[in-house]
């Protein structure tokens, strides 16, 4: 998933052996607006602002769905540039 997100232009924080990823919100958008846009595409993520002011500019993606679904997410995400 990390490699796929990076190919799309996203900056990903590799948290090691966790089941979620922290990903930089592209284009200077706020995390809530970006996550709402993703939700309209059928992608459920968590805006970083929900974890405090230092989380703004990031969103969290859980890797708790089947791998096939994660691949579909990569096809649905807008470019991260």
PDB file of N, CA and C in Angstrom:
ATOM      1  N   UNK A   1       0.828  -1.192   0.000  1.00  0.00           N
ATOM      2  CA  UNK A   1       0.000   0.000   0.000  1.00  0.00           C
ATOM      3  C   UNK A   1       0.870   1.252   0.000  1.00  0.00           C
ATOM      4  N   UNK A   2       1.940   1.212   0.770  1.00  0.00           N
ATOM      5  CA  UNK A   2       2.827   2.377   0.831  1.00  0.00           C
ATOM      6  C   UNK A   2       3.382   2.686  -0.552  1.00  0.00           C
ATOM      7  N   UNK A   3       3.853   1.671  -1.240  1.00  0.00           N
ATOM      8  CA  UNK A   3       4.420   1.885  -2.580  1.00  0.00           C
ATOM      9  C   UNK A   3       3.374   2.427  -3.543  1.00  0.00           C
ATOM     10  N   UNK A   4       2.163   1.901  -3.485  1.00  0.00           N
ATOM     11  CA  UNK A   4       1.093   2.383  -4.354  1.00  0.00           C
ATOM     12  C   UNK A   4       0.744   3.830  -4.087  1.00  0.00           C
ATOM     13  N   UNK A   5       0.672   4.210  -2.822  1.00  0.00           N
ATOM     14  CA  UNK A   5       0.393   5.600  -2.462  1.00  0.00           C
ATOM     15  C   UNK A   5       1.517   6.516  -2.918  1.00  0.00           C
ATOM     16  N   UNK A   6       2.741   6.080  -2.749  1.00  0.00           N
ATOM     17  CA  UNK A   6       3.878   6.894  -3.184  1.00  0.00           C
ATOM     18  C   UNK A   6       3.889   7.062  -4.699  1.00  0.00           C
ATOM     19  N   UNK A   7       3.527   6.025  -5.433  1.00  0.00           N
ATOM     20  CA  UNK A   7       3.438   6.142  -6.897  1.00  0.00           C
ATOM     21  C   UNK A   7       2.409   7.189  -7.308  1.00  0.00           C
ATOM     22  N   UNK A   8       1.357   7.330  -6.497  1.00  0.00           N
ATOM     23  CA  UNK A   8       0.336   8.337  -6.771  1.00  0.00           C
ATOM     24  C   UNK A   8       0.771   9.736  -6.344  1.00  0.00           C
ATOM     25  N   UNK A   9       1.902   9.836  -5.656  1.00  0.00           N
ATOM     26  CA  UNK A   9       2.417  11.133  -5.247  1.00  0.00           C
ATOM     27  C   UNK A   9       2.159  11.494  -3.803  1.00  0.00           C
ATOM     28  N   UNK A  10       1.719  10.543  -2.987  1.00  0.00           N
ATOM     29  CA  UNK A  10       1.449  10.812  -1.582  1.00  0.00           C
ATOM     30  C   UNK A  10       2.693  10.621  -0.732  1.00  0.00           C
ATOM     31  N   UNK A  11       2.826  11.458   0.292  1.00  0.00           N
ATOM     32  CA  UNK A  11       3.862  11.282   1.304  1.00  0.00           C
ATOM     33  C   UNK A  11       3.263  10.433   2.409  1.00  0.00           C
ATOM     34  N   UNK A  12       3.897   9.315   2.700  1.00  0.00           N
ATOM     35  CA  UNK A  12       3.374   8.373   3.684  1.00  0.00           C
ATOM     36  C   UNK A  12       4.352   8.252   4.844  1.00  0.00           C
ATOM     37  N   UNK A  13       3.824   8.358   6.058  1.00  0.00           N
ATOM     38  CA  UNK A  13       4.629   8.114   7.244  1.00  0.00           C
ATOM     39  C   UNK A  13       4.564   6.626   7.538  1.00  0.00           C
ATOM     40  N   UNK A  14       5.691   5.968   7.498  1.00  0.00           N
ATOM     41  CA  UNK A  14       5.755   4.528   7.759  1.00  0.00           C
ATOM     42  C   UNK A  14       5.839   4.326   9.260  1.00  0.00           C
ATOM     43  N   UNK A  15       4.731   3.916   9.850  1.00  0.00           N
ATOM     44  CA  UNK A  15       4.660   3.725  11.290  1.00  0.00           C
ATOM     45  C   UNK A  15       5.160   2.370  11.757  1.00  0.00           C
ATOM     46  N   UNK A  16       5.779   1.606  10.866  1.00  0.00           N
ATOM     47  CA  UNK A  16       6.307   0.302  11.259  1.00  0.00           C
ATOM     48  C   UNK A  16       5.235  -0.770  11.205  1.00  0.00           C
ATOM     49  N   UNK A  17       5.089  -1.499  12.266  1.00  0.00           N
ATOM     50  CA  UNK A  17       4.221  -2.670  12.285  1.00  0.00           C
ATOM     51  C   UNK A  17       2.797  -2.345  12.740  1.00  0.00           C
ATOM     52  N   UNK A  18       2.277  -1.209  12.362  1.00  0.00           N
ATOM     53  CA  UNK A  18       0.903  -0.856  12.725  1.00  0.00           C
ATOM     54  C   UNK A  18      -0.043  -1.257  11.602  1.00  0.00           C
ATOM     55  N   UNK A  19      -1.335  -1.245  11.879  1.00  0.00           N
ATOM     56  CA  UNK A  19      -2.327  -1.611  10.877  1.00  0.00           C
ATOM     57  C   UNK A  19      -2.965  -0.384  10.219  1.00  0.00           C
ATOM     58  N   UNK A  20      -2.313   0.750  10.327  1.00  0.00           N
ATOM     59  CA  UNK A  20      -2.800   1.956   9.667  1.00  0.00           C
ATOM     60  C   UNK A  20      -1.621   2.768   9.160  1.00  0.00           C
ATOM     61  N   UNK A  21      -1.918   3.690   8.236  1.00  0.00           N
ATOM     62  CA  UNK A  21      -0.909   4.574   7.663  1.00  0.00           C
ATOM     63  C   UNK A  21      -1.313   6.020   7.895  1.00  0.00           C
ATOM     64  N   UNK A  22      -0.328   6.877   8.098  1.00  0.00           N
ATOM     65  CA  UNK A  22      -0.537   8.323   8.123  1.00  0.00           C
ATOM     66  C   UNK A  22      -0.063   8.860   6.779  1.00  0.00           C
ATOM     67  N   UNK A  23      -0.930   9.614   6.117  1.00  0.00           N
ATOM     68  CA  UNK A  23      -0.657  10.092   4.766  1.00  0.00           C
ATOM     69  C   UNK A  23      -0.864  11.604   4.727  1.00  0.00           C
ATOM     70  N   UNK A  24       0.072  12.303   4.109  1.00  0.00           N
ATOM     71  CA  UNK A  24      -0.009  13.767   3.998  1.00  0.00           C
ATOM     72  C   UNK A  24      -1.159  14.141   3.065  1.00  0.00           C
ATOM     73  N   UNK A  25      -1.990  15.080   3.482  1.00  0.00           N
ATOM     74  CA  UNK A  25      -3.068  15.594   2.640  1.00  0.00           C
ATOM     75  C   UNK A  25      -2.432  16.413   1.515  1.00  0.00           C
ATOM     76  N   UNK A  26      -2.793  16.131   0.271  1.00  0.00           N
ATOM     77  CA  UNK A  26      -2.168  16.864  -0.843  1.00  0.00           C
ATOM     78  C   UNK A  26      -2.770  18.250  -1.045  1.00  0.00           C
ATOM     79  N   UNK A  27      -2.000  19.110  -1.666  1.00  0.00           N
ATOM     80  CA  UNK A  27      -2.502  20.398  -2.124  1.00  0.00           C
ATOM     81  C   UNK A  27      -2.865  21.403  -1.065  1.00  0.00           C
ATOM     82  N   UNK A  28      -2.412  21.198   0.162  1.00  0.00           N
ATOM     83  CA  UNK A  28      -2.684  22.173   1.209  1.00  0.00           C
ATOM     84  C   UNK A  28      -4.121  22.194   1.705  1.00  0.00           C
ATOM     85  N   UNK A  29      -4.917  21.188   1.337  1.00  0.00           N
ATOM     86  CA  UNK A  29      -6.295  21.119   1.833  1.00  0.00           C
ATOM     87  C   UNK A  29      -6.277  20.790   3.320  1.00  0.00           C
ATOM     88  N   UNK A  30      -7.382  21.097   3.999  1.00  0.00           N
ATOM     89  CA  UNK A  30      -7.471  20.667   5.383  1.00  0.00           C
ATOM     90  C   UNK A  30      -7.911  19.199   5.405  1.00  0.00           C
ATOM     91  N   UNK A  31      -7.561  18.510   6.468  1.00  0.00           N
ATOM     92  CA  UNK A  31      -7.783  17.070   6.522  1.00  0.00           C
ATOM     93  C   UNK A  31      -9.267  16.699   6.520  1.00  0.00           C
ATOM     94  N   UNK A  32     -10.107  17.491   7.132  1.00  0.00           N
ATOM     95  CA  UNK A  32     -11.540  17.180   7.180  1.00  0.00           C
ATOM     96  C   UNK A  32     -12.149  17.250   5.780  1.00  0.00           C
ATOM     97  N   UNK A  33     -11.853  18.313   5.041  1.00  0.00           N
ATOM     98  CA  UNK A  33     -12.391  18.473   3.692  1.00  0.00           C
ATOM     99  C   UNK A  33     -11.905  17.349   2.787  1.00  0.00           C
ATOM    100  N   UNK A  34     -10.617  17.028   2.876  1.00  0.00           N
ATOM    101  CA  UNK A  34     -10.063  15.977   2.037  1.00  0.00           C
ATOM    102  C   UNK A  34     -10.720  14.629   2.341  1.00  0.00           C
ATOM    103  N   UNK A  35     -10.886  14.316   3.612  1.00  0.00           N
ATOM    104  CA  UNK A  35     -11.507  13.042   3.984  1.00  0.00           C
ATOM    105  C   UNK A  35     -12.978  12.986   3.581  1.00  0.00           C
ATOM    106  N   UNK A  36     -13.672  14.110   3.620  1.00  0.00           N
ATOM    107  CA  UNK A  36     -15.065  14.138   3.150  1.00  0.00           C
ATOM    108  C   UNK A  36     -15.116  13.879   1.641  1.00  0.00           C
ATOM    109  N   UNK A  37     -14.166  14.437   0.900  1.00  0.00           N
ATOM    110  CA  UNK A  37     -14.091  14.175  -0.540  1.00  0.00           C
ATOM    111  C   UNK A  37     -13.833  12.694  -0.804  1.00  0.00           C
ATOM    112  N   UNK A  38     -12.944  12.089  -0.023  1.00  0.00           N
ATOM    113  CA  UNK A  38     -12.683  10.659  -0.181  1.00  0.00           C
ATOM    114  C   UNK A  38     -13.918   9.838   0.146  1.00  0.00           C
ATOM    115  N   UNK A  39     -14.657  10.246   1.172  1.00  0.00           N
ATOM    116  CA  UNK A  39     -15.872   9.528   1.552  1.00  0.00           C
ATOM    117  C   UNK A  39     -16.877   9.526   0.410  1.00  0.00           C
ATOM    118  N   UNK A  40     -16.974  10.631  -0.312  1.00  0.00           N
ATOM    119  CA  UNK A  40     -17.862  10.689  -1.467  1.00  0.00           C
ATOM    120  C   UNK A  40     -17.436   9.719  -2.563  1.00  0.00           C
ATOM    121  N   UNK A  41     -16.165   9.334  -2.566  1.00  0.00           N
ATOM    122  CA  UNK A  41     -15.645   8.343  -3.519  1.00  0.00           C
ATOM    123  C   UNK A  41     -15.761   6.920  -2.972  1.00  0.00           C
ATOM    124  N   UNK A  42     -16.285   6.788  -1.747  1.00  0.00           N
ATOM    125  CA  UNK A  42     -16.442   5.481  -1.134  1.00  0.00           C
ATOM    126  C   UNK A  42     -15.239   5.025  -0.324  1.00  0.00           C
ATOM    127  N   UNK A  43     -14.331   5.945  -0.008  1.00  0.00           N
ATOM    128  CA  UNK A  43     -13.127   5.618   0.757  1.00  0.00           C
ATOM    129  C   UNK A  43     -13.255   6.228   2.146  1.00  0.00           C
ATOM    130  N   UNK A  44     -13.249   5.387   3.169  1.00  0.00           N
ATOM    131  CA  UNK A  44     -13.387   5.855   4.544  1.00  0.00           C
ATOM    132  C   UNK A  44     -11.999   6.026   5.155  1.00  0.00           C
ATOM    133  N   UNK A  45     -11.686   7.246   5.565  1.00  0.00           N
ATOM    134  CA  UNK A  45     -10.420   7.571   6.219  1.00  0.00           C
ATOM    135  C   UNK A  45     -10.723   8.455   7.422  1.00  0.00           C
ATOM    136  N   UNK A  46      -9.707   8.734   8.212  1.00  0.00           N
ATOM    137  CA  UNK A  46      -9.876   9.571   9.391  1.00  0.00           C
ATOM    138  C   UNK A  46      -9.051  10.842   9.232  1.00  0.00           C
ATOM    139  N   UNK A  47      -9.684  12.015   9.359  1.00  0.00           N
ATOM    140  CA  UNK A  47      -8.914  13.258   9.259  1.00  0.00           C
ATOM    141  C   UNK A  47      -7.970  13.407  10.444  1.00  0.00           C
ATOM    142  N   UNK A  48      -6.771  13.844  10.154  1.00  0.00           N
ATOM    143  CA  UNK A  48      -5.764  13.995  11.196  1.00  0.00           C
ATOM    144  C   UNK A  48      -6.146  14.962  12.291  1.00  0.00           C
ATOM    145  N   UNK A  49      -6.947  15.975  11.965  1.00  0.00           N
ATOM    146  CA  UNK A  49      -7.341  16.964  12.962  1.00  0.00           C
ATOM    147  C   UNK A  49      -8.074  16.306  14.134  1.00  0.00           C
ATOM    148  N   UNK A  50      -8.683  15.158  13.892  1.00  0.00           N
ATOM    149  CA  UNK A  50      -9.382  14.432  14.954  1.00  0.00           C
ATOM    150  C   UNK A  50      -8.444  13.926  16.046  1.00  0.00           C
ATOM    151  N   UNK A  51      -7.137  13.955  15.782  1.00  0.00           N
ATOM    152  CA  UNK A  51      -6.140  13.516  16.747  1.00  0.00           C
ATOM    153  C   UNK A  51      -5.406  14.696  17.379  1.00  0.00           C
ATOM    154  N   UNK A  52      -5.903  15.891  17.124  1.00  0.00           N
ATOM    155  CA  UNK A  52      -5.290  17.095  17.686  1.00  0.00           C
ATOM    156  C   UNK A  52      -4.709  17.982  16.606  1.00  0.00           C
ATOM    157  N   UNK A  53      -4.321  19.188  17.000  1.00  0.00           N
ATOM    158  CA  UNK A  53      -3.880  20.174  16.014  1.00  0.00           C
ATOM    159  C   UNK A  53      -2.649  19.724  15.239  1.00  0.00           C
ATOM    160  N   UNK A  54      -1.794  18.915  15.828  1.00  0.00           N
ATOM    161  CA  UNK A  54      -0.611  18.444  15.103  1.00  0.00           C
ATOM    162  C   UNK A  54      -0.957  17.412  14.028  1.00  0.00           C
ATOM    163  N   UNK A  55      -2.165  16.886  14.074  1.00  0.00           N
ATOM    164  CA  UNK A  55      -2.601  15.934  13.056  1.00  0.00           C
ATOM    165  C   UNK A  55      -3.109  16.604  11.791  1.00  0.00           C
ATOM    166  N   UNK A  56      -3.353  17.917  11.858  1.00  0.00           N
ATOM    167  CA  UNK A  56      -3.843  18.623  10.677  1.00  0.00           C
ATOM    168  C   UNK A  56      -2.814  18.509   9.553  1.00  0.00           C
ATOM    169  N   UNK A  57      -3.330  18.306   8.340  1.00  0.00           N
ATOM    170  CA  UNK A  57      -2.456  18.136   7.178  1.00  0.00           C
ATOM    171  C   UNK A  57      -2.176  16.674   6.868  1.00  0.00           C
ATOM    172  N   UNK A  58      -2.713  15.782   7.697  1.00  0.00           N
ATOM    173  CA  UNK A  58      -2.541  14.347   7.513  1.00  0.00           C
ATOM    174  C   UNK A  58      -3.902  13.659   7.583  1.00  0.00           C
ATOM    175  N   UNK A  59      -3.984  12.463   7.021  1.00  0.00           N
ATOM    176  CA  UNK A  59      -5.156  11.623   7.230  1.00  0.00           C
ATOM    177  C   UNK A  59      -4.680  10.216   7.517  1.00  0.00           C
ATOM    178  N   UNK A  60      -5.523   9.444   8.191  1.00  0.00           N
ATOM    179  CA  UNK A  60      -5.146   8.094   8.590  1.00  0.00           C
ATOM    180  C   UNK A  60      -5.994   7.088   7.821  1.00  0.00           C
ATOM    181  N   UNK A  61      -5.332   6.065   7.326  1.00  0.00           N
ATOM    182  CA  UNK A  61      -5.996   5.012   6.577  1.00  0.00           C
ATOM    183  C   UNK A  61      -5.713   3.683   7.273  1.00  0.00           C
ATOM    184  N   UNK A  62      -6.768   2.988   7.659  1.00  0.00           N
ATOM    185  CA  UNK A  62      -6.620   1.683   8.290  1.00  0.00           C
ATOM    186  C   UNK A  62      -6.478   0.609   7.213  1.00  0.00           C
ATOM    187  N   UNK A  63      -5.639  -0.357   7.496  1.00  0.00           N
ATOM    188  CA  UNK A  63      -5.397  -1.456   6.555  1.00  0.00           C
ATOM    189  C   UNK A  63      -6.098  -2.712   7.052  1.00  0.00           C
ATOM    190  N   UNK A  64      -7.386  -2.576   7.328  1.00  0.00           N
ATOM    191  CA  UNK A  64      -8.150  -3.649   7.956  1.00  0.00           C
ATOM    192  C   UNK A  64      -9.173  -4.275   7.018  1.00  0.00           C
ATOM    193  N   UNK A  65      -9.031  -4.033   5.744  1.00  0.00           N
ATOM    194  CA  UNK A  65      -9.932  -4.615   4.754  1.00  0.00           C
ATOM    195  C   UNK A  65      -9.125  -5.567   3.869  1.00  0.00           C
ATOM    196  N   UNK A  66      -9.793  -6.427   3.097  1.00  0.00           N
ATOM    197  CA  UNK A  66      -9.061  -7.347   2.231  1.00  0.00           C
ATOM    198  C   UNK A  66      -8.151  -6.605   1.243  1.00  0.00           C
ATOM    199  N   UNK A  67      -7.050  -7.256   0.881  1.00  0.00           N
ATOM    200  CA  UNK A  67      -6.071  -6.645  -0.018  1.00  0.00           C
ATOM    201  C   UNK A  67      -6.704  -6.199  -1.331  1.00  0.00           C
ATOM    202  N   UNK A  68      -7.651  -6.949  -1.828  1.00  0.00           N
ATOM    203  CA  UNK A  68      -8.336  -6.576  -3.075  1.00  0.00           C
ATOM    204  C   UNK A  68      -9.018  -5.217  -2.937  1.00  0.00           C
ATOM    205  N   UNK A  69      -9.608  -4.947  -1.787  1.00  0.00           N
ATOM    206  CA  UNK A  69     -10.257  -3.656  -1.555  1.00  0.00           C
ATOM    207  C   UNK A  69      -9.235  -2.525  -1.482  1.00  0.00           C
ATOM    208  N   UNK A  70      -8.073  -2.806  -0.895  1.00  0.00           N
ATOM    209  CA  UNK A  70      -7.021  -1.791  -0.832  1.00  0.00           C
ATOM    210  C   UNK A  70      -6.532  -1.445  -2.234  1.00  0.00           C
ATOM    211  N   UNK A  71      -6.440  -2.430  -3.102  1.00  0.00           N
ATOM    212  CA  UNK A  71      -6.033  -2.170  -4.494  1.00  0.00           C
ATOM    213  C   UNK A  71      -7.053  -1.272  -5.198  1.00  0.00           C
ATOM    214  N   UNK A  72      -8.336  -1.484  -4.909  1.00  0.00           N
ATOM    215  CA  UNK A  72      -9.381  -0.643  -5.498  1.00  0.00           C
ATOM    216  C   UNK A  72      -9.250   0.798  -5.018  1.00  0.00           C
ATOM    217  N   UNK A  73      -8.850   0.971  -3.758  1.00  0.00           N
ATOM    218  CA  UNK A  73      -8.654   2.314  -3.222  1.00  0.00           C
ATOM    219  C   UNK A  73      -7.598   3.045  -4.040  1.00  0.00           C
ATOM    220  N   UNK A  74      -6.513   2.365  -4.361  1.00  0.00           N
ATOM    221  CA  UNK A  74      -5.448   2.994  -5.148  1.00  0.00           C
ATOM    222  C   UNK A  74      -5.950   3.432  -6.517  1.00  0.00           C
ATOM    223  N   UNK A  75      -6.910   2.700  -7.066  1.00  0.00           N
ATOM    224  CA  UNK A  75      -7.489   3.077  -8.360  1.00  0.00           C
ATOM    225  C   UNK A  75      -8.461   4.245  -8.239  1.00  0.00           C
ATOM    226  N   UNK A  76      -8.979   4.496  -7.035  1.00  0.00           N
ATOM    227  CA  UNK A  76     -10.001   5.509  -6.808  1.00  0.00           C
ATOM    228  C   UNK A  76      -9.446   6.826  -6.270  1.00  0.00           C
ATOM    229  N   UNK A  77      -8.313   6.767  -5.578  1.00  0.00           N
ATOM    230  CA  UNK A  77      -7.733   7.968  -4.979  1.00  0.00           C
ATOM    231  C   UNK A  77      -7.337   8.997  -6.043  1.00  0.00           C
ATOM    232  N   UNK A  78      -7.554  10.271  -5.748  1.00  0.00           N
ATOM    233  CA  UNK A  78      -7.036  11.311  -6.651  1.00  0.00           C
ATOM    234  C   UNK A  78      -5.519  11.365  -6.523  1.00  0.00           C
ATOM    235  N   UNK A  79      -4.834  11.907  -7.511  1.00  0.00           N
ATOM    236  CA  UNK A  79      -3.367  12.035  -7.407  1.00  0.00           C
ATOM    237  C   UNK A  79      -2.978  12.843  -6.169  1.00  0.00           C
ATOM    238  N   UNK A  80      -1.877  12.469  -5.556  1.00  0.00           N
ATOM    239  CA  UNK A  80      -1.424  13.134  -4.335  1.00  0.00           C
ATOM    240  C   UNK A  80      -0.484  14.297  -4.591  1.00  0.00           C
ATOM    241  N   UNK A  81      -0.340  14.690  -5.780  1.00  0.00           N
ATOM    242  CA  UNK A  81       0.601  15.776  -6.112  1.00  0.00           C
ATOM    243  C   UNK A  81      -0.061  17.111  -5.996  1.00  0.00           C
TER     244      UNK A  81
END
